[in-house]
Amino acid sequence: MPRVVHFEISADDPERAKDFYTGVFGWDFQSWGGPMDYYMVRTGEGPGIDGGMFKRRGDVGHVNTIDVPSVDDFAASVVAKGGQVVVPKNAIPGIGWLVYCKDTEGNIFGMMQSDPEAK
C-alpha cells in the first residue's frame, strides 16, 4: 500500500521559515545543492518522516509525497477518479520520478517513484 514518505513546506521567505521551524521543533535544514533552491528537512529520530522546503510558487502550501511503484499508473488513476495532474512527471536526478496532483478537494500532493537512474 503506498504511504506518505516525504513532506514539503513552501515558504515566501525560506530563511524566516527555517528560523521558525528550527526554533519551535529543533528541525535541521540543509541545502540540497541541486538545480533549484531546496532544503532537506531532518525532523529527528523515531517514528515520523523527513521532508523538504522550497520558495513558494503560486498558492502551494504543505505537500505530502506518496511513494508509488509507478507514477504513470497512479497519475492515470488520479485522473480517472476525478483529480488532476498539475505538474507532469519529471526526473529528480539520482532519486526518481515525481509528479504533483490535485485531489477532488483541491489539495496538492506529490507521488514519487524511486529510480536511481532517473535523469
C-alpha atoms as a PDB file:
ATOM      1  CA  MET A   1       0.000   0.000   0.000  1.00  0.00           C
ATOM      2  CA  PRO A   2       1.505   3.403  -0.963  1.00  0.00           C
ATOM      3  CA  ARG A   3       2.473   5.551   2.043  1.00  0.00           C
ATOM      4  CA  VAL A   4       3.421   9.157   2.705  1.00  0.00           C
ATOM      5  CA  VAL A   5       7.226   9.236   2.724  1.00  0.00           C
ATOM      6  CA  HIS A   6       8.086  12.946   2.474  1.00  0.00           C
ATOM      7  CA  PHE A   7       6.524  16.325   3.218  1.00  0.00           C
ATOM      8  CA  GLU A   8       7.270  19.710   1.721  1.00  0.00           C
ATOM      9  CA  ILE A   9       6.810  23.199   3.094  1.00  0.00           C
ATOM     10  CA  SER A  10       6.590  26.145   0.734  1.00  0.00           C
ATOM     11  CA  ALA A  11       7.708  29.483   2.133  1.00  0.00           C
ATOM     12  CA  ASP A  12       7.630  33.092   0.979  1.00  0.00           C
ATOM     13  CA  ASP A  13      10.840  33.635   2.982  1.00  0.00           C
ATOM     14  CA  PRO A  14      12.747  30.333   3.417  1.00  0.00           C
ATOM     15  CA  GLU A  15      15.235  31.837   5.902  1.00  0.00           C
ATOM     16  CA  ARG A  16      12.390  33.049   8.125  1.00  0.00           C
ATOM     17  CA  ALA A  17      10.677  29.652   7.855  1.00  0.00           C
ATOM     18  CA  LYS A  18      13.928  27.829   8.724  1.00  0.00           C
ATOM     19  CA  ASP A  19      14.304  30.008  11.830  1.00  0.00           C
ATOM     20  CA  PHE A  20      10.684  29.311  12.817  1.00  0.00           C
ATOM     21  CA  TYR A  21      10.776  25.504  12.445  1.00  0.00           C
ATOM     22  CA  THR A  22      14.238  25.238  13.985  1.00  0.00           C
ATOM     23  CA  GLY A  23      13.186  27.421  16.924  1.00  0.00           C
ATOM     24  CA  VAL A  24       9.894  25.628  17.549  1.00  0.00           C
ATOM     25  CA  PHE A  25      10.773  21.991  16.775  1.00  0.00           C
ATOM     26  CA  GLY A  26      14.574  21.872  16.558  1.00  0.00           C
ATOM     27  CA  TRP A  27      14.460  20.670  12.928  1.00  0.00           C
ATOM     28  CA  ASP A  28      17.668  20.727  10.874  1.00  0.00           C
ATOM     29  CA  PHE A  29      17.722  22.300   7.389  1.00  0.00           C
ATOM     30  CA  GLN A  30      20.436  21.556   4.824  1.00  0.00           C
ATOM     31  CA  SER A  31      20.672  22.893   1.282  1.00  0.00           C
ATOM     32  CA  TRP A  32      20.002  20.119  -1.242  1.00  0.00           C
ATOM     33  CA  GLY A  33      22.616  21.507  -3.622  1.00  0.00           C
ATOM     34  CA  GLY A  34      20.515  20.619  -6.652  1.00  0.00           C
ATOM     35  CA  PRO A  35      19.388  22.702  -9.595  1.00  0.00           C
ATOM     36  CA  MET A  36      16.811  24.631  -7.525  1.00  0.00           C
ATOM     37  CA  ASP A  37      16.837  26.381  -4.147  1.00  0.00           C
ATOM     38  CA  TYR A  38      15.625  23.494  -1.975  1.00  0.00           C
ATOM     39  CA  TYR A  39      16.334  22.419   1.605  1.00  0.00           C
ATOM     40  CA  MET A  40      16.184  18.938   3.081  1.00  0.00           C
ATOM     41  CA  VAL A  41      14.459  18.922   6.493  1.00  0.00           C
ATOM     42  CA  ARG A  42      15.533  16.411   9.127  1.00  0.00           C
ATOM     43  CA  THR A  43      12.904  16.116  11.854  1.00  0.00           C
ATOM     44  CA  GLY A  44      14.657  13.710  14.227  1.00  0.00           C
ATOM     45  CA  GLU A  45      14.824  10.037  15.180  1.00  0.00           C
ATOM     46  CA  GLY A  46      11.980   7.597  15.728  1.00  0.00           C
ATOM     47  CA  PRO A  47       8.530   7.483  14.100  1.00  0.00           C
ATOM     48  CA  GLY A  48       7.839  10.132  11.515  1.00  0.00           C
ATOM     49  CA  ILE A  49       9.202  11.344   8.205  1.00  0.00           C
ATOM     50  CA  ASP A  50      11.666  13.924   6.977  1.00  0.00           C
ATOM     51  CA  GLY A  51      10.884  16.495   4.348  1.00  0.00           C
ATOM     52  CA  GLY A  52      11.909  19.474   2.305  1.00  0.00           C
ATOM     53  CA  MET A  53      11.296  23.178   1.903  1.00  0.00           C
ATOM     54  CA  PHE A  54      11.223  25.422  -1.155  1.00  0.00           C
ATOM     55  CA  LYS A  55      10.434  29.031  -2.040  1.00  0.00           C
ATOM     56  CA  ARG A  56       6.690  29.315  -2.591  1.00  0.00           C
ATOM     57  CA  ARG A  57       5.451  29.415  -6.173  1.00  0.00           C
ATOM     58  CA  GLY A  58       1.782  30.245  -6.524  1.00  0.00           C
ATOM     59  CA  ASP A  59      -0.618  29.127  -3.799  1.00  0.00           C
ATOM     60  CA  VAL A  60       1.045  25.815  -2.877  1.00  0.00           C
ATOM     61  CA  GLY A  61       1.254  25.240   0.881  1.00  0.00           C
ATOM     62  CA  HIS A  62       2.264  21.963   2.513  1.00  0.00           C
ATOM     63  CA  VAL A  63       2.632  18.966   0.211  1.00  0.00           C
ATOM     64  CA  ASN A  64       2.738  15.306   1.203  1.00  0.00           C
ATOM     65  CA  THR A  65       4.533  12.969  -1.190  1.00  0.00           C
ATOM     66  CA  ILE A  66       3.442   9.351  -1.513  1.00  0.00           C
ATOM     67  CA  ASP A  67       5.759   6.529  -2.605  1.00  0.00           C
ATOM     68  CA  VAL A  68       4.239   4.625  -5.549  1.00  0.00           C
ATOM     69  CA  PRO A  69       5.577   1.849  -7.805  1.00  0.00           C
ATOM     70  CA  SER A  70       4.618   3.760 -11.000  1.00  0.00           C
ATOM     71  CA  VAL A  71       3.872   7.484 -11.225  1.00  0.00           C
ATOM     72  CA  ASP A  72       2.412   6.899 -14.701  1.00  0.00           C
ATOM     73  CA  ASP A  73      -0.114   4.314 -13.479  1.00  0.00           C
ATOM     74  CA  PHE A  74      -1.066   6.249 -10.358  1.00  0.00           C
ATOM     75  CA  ALA A  75      -1.360   9.564 -12.240  1.00  0.00           C
ATOM     76  CA  ALA A  76      -3.782   7.850 -14.620  1.00  0.00           C
ATOM     77  CA  SER A  77      -5.747   6.601 -11.609  1.00  0.00           C
ATOM     78  CA  VAL A  78      -5.860  10.132 -10.127  1.00  0.00           C
ATOM     79  CA  VAL A  79      -7.378  11.468 -13.352  1.00  0.00           C
ATOM     80  CA  ALA A  80      -9.821   8.542 -13.610  1.00  0.00           C
ATOM     81  CA  LYS A  81     -11.074   9.279 -10.074  1.00  0.00           C
ATOM     82  CA  GLY A  82     -11.658  12.994 -10.772  1.00  0.00           C
ATOM     83  CA  GLY A  83      -8.319  14.506  -9.764  1.00  0.00           C
ATOM     84  CA  GLN A  84      -5.805  16.396 -11.896  1.00  0.00           C
ATOM     85  CA  VAL A  85      -2.122  16.199 -12.709  1.00  0.00           C
ATOM     86  CA  VAL A  86      -0.834  19.730 -12.038  1.00  0.00           C
ATOM     87  CA  VAL A  87       2.907  19.179 -12.592  1.00  0.00           C
ATOM     88  CA  PRO A  88       3.713  16.389 -15.048  1.00  0.00           C
ATOM     89  CA  LYS A  89       6.242  13.641 -14.404  1.00  0.00           C
ATOM     90  CA  ASN A  90       9.770  14.947 -14.047  1.00  0.00           C
ATOM     91  CA  ALA A  91      13.069  13.431 -13.015  1.00  0.00           C
ATOM     92  CA  ILE A  92      14.752  14.133  -9.711  1.00  0.00           C
ATOM     93  CA  PRO A  93      18.272  13.042 -10.767  1.00  0.00           C
ATOM     94  CA  GLY A  94      19.507  10.004  -8.870  1.00  0.00           C
ATOM     95  CA  ILE A  95      16.291   9.828  -6.807  1.00  0.00           C
ATOM     96  CA  GLY A  96      13.338   9.015  -9.051  1.00  0.00           C
ATOM     97  CA  TRP A  97      10.293  10.372 -10.846  1.00  0.00           C
ATOM     98  CA  LEU A  98       7.979  12.972  -9.314  1.00  0.00           C
ATOM     99  CA  VAL A  99       4.507  14.173 -10.281  1.00  0.00           C
ATOM    100  CA  TYR A 100       2.233  16.625  -8.459  1.00  0.00           C
ATOM    101  CA  CYS A 101      -1.526  16.156  -8.479  1.00  0.00           C
ATOM    102  CA  LYS A 102      -4.654  17.820  -7.113  1.00  0.00           C
ATOM    103  CA  ASP A 103      -7.328  15.729  -5.414  1.00  0.00           C
ATOM    104  CA  THR A 104     -11.085  16.250  -5.743  1.00  0.00           C
ATOM    105  CA  GLU A 105     -10.971  18.714  -2.801  1.00  0.00           C
ATOM    106  CA  GLY A 106      -8.273  20.963  -4.306  1.00  0.00           C
ATOM    107  CA  ASN A 107      -5.375  19.617  -2.219  1.00  0.00           C
ATOM    108  CA  ILE A 108      -1.982  19.266  -3.886  1.00  0.00           C
ATOM    109  CA  PHE A 109       0.037  16.091  -3.263  1.00  0.00           C
ATOM    110  CA  GLY A 110       3.105  14.506  -4.795  1.00  0.00           C
ATOM    111  CA  MET A 111       3.813  10.971  -5.935  1.00  0.00           C
ATOM    112  CA  MET A 112       7.367   9.634  -6.182  1.00  0.00           C
ATOM    113  CA  GLN A 113       8.609   6.542  -7.997  1.00  0.00           C
ATOM    114  CA  SER A 114      12.093   5.526  -6.846  1.00  0.00           C
ATOM    115  CA  ASP A 115      14.599   5.204  -9.689  1.00  0.00           C
ATOM    116  CA  PRO A 116      18.292   5.922  -9.079  1.00  0.00           C
ATOM    117  CA  GLU A 117      18.764   6.081 -12.877  1.00  0.00           C
ATOM    118  CA  ALA A 118      16.284   8.970 -13.309  1.00  0.00           C
ATOM    119  CA  LYS A 119      17.770  11.864 -15.309  1.00  0.00           C
END
